[in-house]
Amino acid sequence: MMTRASQPVTLTAGKMYPINVEILVGLFQFTYTISMALAKCKI
């Protein structure tokens, strides 16, 4: 269990591109920012 805990958790997108927690959080922040901008513009 301790050996597995020392390895970072990563997902893969399309079995090619590794996605870690920092990238996932940045993606969520970007999505939220764009959705709030669109909601404010009422497009």
PDB file of N, CA and C in Angstrom:
ATOM      1  N   MET A   1       0.824  -1.182   0.000  1.00  0.00           N
ATOM      2  CA  MET A   1       0.000   0.000   0.000  1.00  0.00           C
ATOM      3  C   MET A   1       0.875   1.255   0.000  1.00  0.00           C
ATOM      4  N   MET A   2       1.932   1.271   0.784  1.00  0.00           N
ATOM      5  CA  MET A   2       2.827   2.429   0.850  1.00  0.00           C
ATOM      6  C   MET A   2       3.559   2.627  -0.475  1.00  0.00           C
ATOM      7  N   THR A   3       3.877   1.541  -1.169  1.00  0.00           N
ATOM      8  CA  THR A   3       4.552   1.646  -2.464  1.00  0.00           C
ATOM      9  C   THR A   3       3.639   2.300  -3.487  1.00  0.00           C
ATOM     10  N   ARG A   4       2.379   1.909  -3.497  1.00  0.00           N
ATOM     11  CA  ARG A   4       1.431   2.511  -4.443  1.00  0.00           C
ATOM     12  C   ARG A   4       1.138   3.957  -4.101  1.00  0.00           C
ATOM     13  N   ALA A   5       1.175   4.303  -2.830  1.00  0.00           N
ATOM     14  CA  ALA A   5       0.900   5.676  -2.418  1.00  0.00           C
ATOM     15  C   ALA A   5       2.013   6.624  -2.833  1.00  0.00           C
ATOM     16  N   SER A   6       3.206   6.111  -3.053  1.00  0.00           N
ATOM     17  CA  SER A   6       4.321   6.979  -3.448  1.00  0.00           C
ATOM     18  C   SER A   6       4.275   7.352  -4.927  1.00  0.00           C
ATOM     19  N   GLN A   7       3.479   6.645  -5.716  1.00  0.00           N
ATOM     20  CA  GLN A   7       3.359   6.950  -7.145  1.00  0.00           C
ATOM     21  C   GLN A   7       2.227   7.943  -7.362  1.00  0.00           C
ATOM     22  N   PRO A   8       2.443   8.967  -8.216  1.00  0.00           N
ATOM     23  CA  PRO A   8       1.371   9.941  -8.457  1.00  0.00           C
ATOM     24  C   PRO A   8       0.201   9.311  -9.217  1.00  0.00           C
ATOM     25  N   VAL A   9      -0.983   9.819  -8.948  1.00  0.00           N
ATOM     26  CA  VAL A   9      -2.185   9.333  -9.619  1.00  0.00           C
ATOM     27  C   VAL A   9      -2.324  10.068 -10.940  1.00  0.00           C
ATOM     28  N   THR A  10      -2.418   9.332 -12.023  1.00  0.00           N
ATOM     29  CA  THR A  10      -2.601   9.942 -13.339  1.00  0.00           C
ATOM     30  C   THR A  10      -3.669   9.190 -14.112  1.00  0.00           C
ATOM     31  N   LEU A  11      -4.384   9.918 -14.924  1.00  0.00           N
ATOM     32  CA  LEU A  11      -5.331   9.345 -15.871  1.00  0.00           C
ATOM     33  C   LEU A  11      -4.736   9.528 -17.252  1.00  0.00           C
ATOM     34  N   THR A  12      -5.214   8.788 -18.214  1.00  0.00           N
ATOM     35  CA  THR A  12      -4.751   8.989 -19.578  1.00  0.00           C
ATOM     36  C   THR A  12      -5.932   9.350 -20.460  1.00  0.00           C
ATOM     37  N   ALA A  13      -5.714  10.315 -21.330  1.00  0.00           N
ATOM     38  CA  ALA A  13      -6.743  10.742 -22.276  1.00  0.00           C
ATOM     39  C   ALA A  13      -6.475  10.056 -23.603  1.00  0.00           C
ATOM     40  N   GLY A  14      -7.351   9.213 -23.999  1.00  0.00           N
ATOM     41  CA  GLY A  14      -7.181   8.505 -25.259  1.00  0.00           C
ATOM     42  C   GLY A  14      -6.000   7.562 -25.239  1.00  0.00           C
ATOM     43  N   LYS A  15      -5.609   7.081 -24.080  1.00  0.00           N
ATOM     44  CA  LYS A  15      -4.469   6.185 -23.879  1.00  0.00           C
ATOM     45  C   LYS A  15      -3.169   6.781 -24.419  1.00  0.00           C
ATOM     46  N   MET A  16      -3.096   8.109 -24.515  1.00  0.00           N
ATOM     47  CA  MET A  16      -1.886   8.742 -25.023  1.00  0.00           C
ATOM     48  C   MET A  16      -1.371   9.813 -24.074  1.00  0.00           C
ATOM     49  N   TYR A  17      -2.213  10.720 -23.654  1.00  0.00           N
ATOM     50  CA  TYR A  17      -1.795  11.913 -22.937  1.00  0.00           C
ATOM     51  C   TYR A  17      -2.089  11.773 -21.452  1.00  0.00           C
ATOM     52  N   PRO A  18      -1.066  11.774 -20.604  1.00  0.00           N
ATOM     53  CA  PRO A  18      -1.333  11.647 -19.164  1.00  0.00           C
ATOM     54  C   PRO A  18      -1.936  12.930 -18.590  1.00  0.00           C
ATOM     55  N   ILE A  19      -2.936  12.773 -17.747  1.00  0.00           N
ATOM     56  CA  ILE A  19      -3.595  13.912 -17.110  1.00  0.00           C
ATOM     57  C   ILE A  19      -3.419  13.764 -15.601  1.00  0.00           C
ATOM     58  N   ASN A  20      -2.769  14.743 -14.979  1.00  0.00           N
ATOM     59  CA  ASN A  20      -2.607  14.699 -13.525  1.00  0.00           C
ATOM     60  C   ASN A  20      -3.601  15.659 -12.875  1.00  0.00           C
ATOM     61  N   VAL A  21      -3.538  15.767 -11.571  1.00  0.00           N
ATOM     62  CA  VAL A  21      -4.507  16.573 -10.829  1.00  0.00           C
ATOM     63  C   VAL A  21      -4.397  18.056 -11.197  1.00  0.00           C
ATOM     64  N   GLU A  22      -3.181  18.561 -11.385  1.00  0.00           N
ATOM     65  CA  GLU A  22      -2.997  19.971 -11.714  1.00  0.00           C
ATOM     66  C   GLU A  22      -3.646  20.317 -13.056  1.00  0.00           C
ATOM     67  N   ILE A  23      -3.487  19.461 -14.042  1.00  0.00           N
ATOM     68  CA  ILE A  23      -4.090  19.695 -15.355  1.00  0.00           C
ATOM     69  C   ILE A  23      -5.612  19.623 -15.254  1.00  0.00           C
ATOM     70  N   LEU A  24      -6.118  18.673 -14.471  1.00  0.00           N
ATOM     71  CA  LEU A  24      -7.562  18.520 -14.314  1.00  0.00           C
ATOM     72  C   LEU A  24      -8.176  19.735 -13.624  1.00  0.00           C
ATOM     73  N   VAL A  25      -7.529  20.250 -12.593  1.00  0.00           N
ATOM     74  CA  VAL A  25      -8.026  21.442 -11.897  1.00  0.00           C
ATOM     75  C   VAL A  25      -7.997  22.650 -12.834  1.00  0.00           C
ATOM     76  N   GLY A  26      -6.923  22.798 -13.602  1.00  0.00           N
ATOM     77  CA  GLY A  26      -6.843  23.895 -14.566  1.00  0.00           C
ATOM     78  C   GLY A  26      -7.935  23.813 -15.616  1.00  0.00           C
ATOM     79  N   LEU A  27      -8.239  22.608 -16.054  1.00  0.00           N
ATOM     80  CA  LEU A  27      -9.305  22.417 -17.042  1.00  0.00           C
ATOM     81  C   LEU A  27     -10.659  22.803 -16.460  1.00  0.00           C
ATOM     82  N   PHE A  28     -10.923  22.406 -15.207  1.00  0.00           N
ATOM     83  CA  PHE A  28     -12.178  22.785 -14.555  1.00  0.00           C
ATOM     84  C   PHE A  28     -12.275  24.292 -14.369  1.00  0.00           C
ATOM     85  N   GLN A  29     -11.185  24.935 -13.991  1.00  0.00           N
ATOM     86  CA  GLN A  29     -11.194  26.391 -13.814  1.00  0.00           C
ATOM     87  C   GLN A  29     -11.451  27.090 -15.141  1.00  0.00           C
ATOM     88  N   PHE A  30     -10.825  26.631 -16.203  1.00  0.00           N
ATOM     89  CA  PHE A  30     -11.022  27.215 -17.524  1.00  0.00           C
ATOM     90  C   PHE A  30     -12.475  27.057 -17.968  1.00  0.00           C
ATOM     91  N   THR A  31     -13.028  25.860 -17.771  1.00  0.00           N
ATOM     92  CA  THR A  31     -14.412  25.603 -18.155  1.00  0.00           C
ATOM     93  C   THR A  31     -15.372  26.496 -17.377  1.00  0.00           C
ATOM     94  N   TYR A  32     -15.125  26.640 -16.085  1.00  0.00           N
ATOM     95  CA  TYR A  32     -15.980  27.495 -15.253  1.00  0.00           C
ATOM     96  C   TYR A  32     -15.888  28.949 -15.707  1.00  0.00           C
ATOM     97  N   THR A  33     -14.676  29.424 -15.979  1.00  0.00           N
ATOM     98  CA  THR A  33     -14.480  30.808 -16.414  1.00  0.00           C
ATOM     99  C   THR A  33     -15.210  31.084 -17.727  1.00  0.00           C
ATOM    100  N   ILE A  34     -15.099  30.184 -18.673  1.00  0.00           N
ATOM    101  CA  ILE A  34     -15.764  30.367 -19.962  1.00  0.00           C
ATOM    102  C   ILE A  34     -17.281  30.317 -19.812  1.00  0.00           C
ATOM    103  N   SER A  35     -17.782  29.401 -18.983  1.00  0.00           N
ATOM    104  CA  SER A  35     -19.232  29.321 -18.807  1.00  0.00           C
ATOM    105  C   SER A  35     -19.776  30.554 -18.117  1.00  0.00           C
ATOM    106  N   MET A  36     -19.042  31.120 -17.167  1.00  0.00           N
ATOM    107  CA  MET A  36     -19.504  32.352 -16.502  1.00  0.00           C
ATOM    108  C   MET A  36     -19.446  33.541 -17.465  1.00  0.00           C
ATOM    109  N   ALA A  37     -18.446  33.589 -18.313  1.00  0.00           N
ATOM    110  CA  ALA A  37     -18.352  34.673 -19.298  1.00  0.00           C
ATOM    111  C   ALA A  37     -19.503  34.596 -20.287  1.00  0.00           C
ATOM    112  N   LEU A  38     -19.821  33.385 -20.731  1.00  0.00           N
ATOM    113  CA  LEU A  38     -20.942  33.218 -21.664  1.00  0.00           C
ATOM    114  C   LEU A  38     -22.276  33.536 -20.997  1.00  0.00           C
ATOM    115  N   ALA A  39     -22.428  33.170 -19.740  1.00  0.00           N
ATOM    116  CA  ALA A  39     -23.669  33.461 -19.019  1.00  0.00           C
ATOM    117  C   ALA A  39     -23.835  34.973 -18.825  1.00  0.00           C
ATOM    118  N   LYS A  40     -22.734  35.649 -18.603  1.00  0.00           N
ATOM    119  CA  LYS A  40     -22.806  37.099 -18.409  1.00  0.00           C
ATOM    120  C   LYS A  40     -23.160  37.805 -19.711  1.00  0.00           C
ATOM    121  N   CYS A  41     -22.673  37.306 -20.829  1.00  0.00           N
ATOM    122  CA  CYS A  41     -22.968  37.912 -22.133  1.00  0.00           C
ATOM    123  C   CYS A  41     -24.351  37.525 -22.654  1.00  0.00           C
ATOM    124  N   LYS A  42     -24.934  36.499 -22.079  1.00  0.00           N
ATOM    125  CA  LYS A  42     -26.265  36.005 -22.471  1.00  0.00           C
ATOM    126  C   LYS A  42     -26.337  35.681 -23.955  1.00  0.00           C
ATOM    127  N   ILE A  43     -25.389  34.875 -24.373  1.00  0.00           N
ATOM    128  CA  ILE A  43     -25.362  34.434 -25.797  1.00  0.00           C
ATOM    129  C   ILE A  43     -26.275  33.261 -25.975  1.00  0.00           C
TER     130      ILE A  43
END
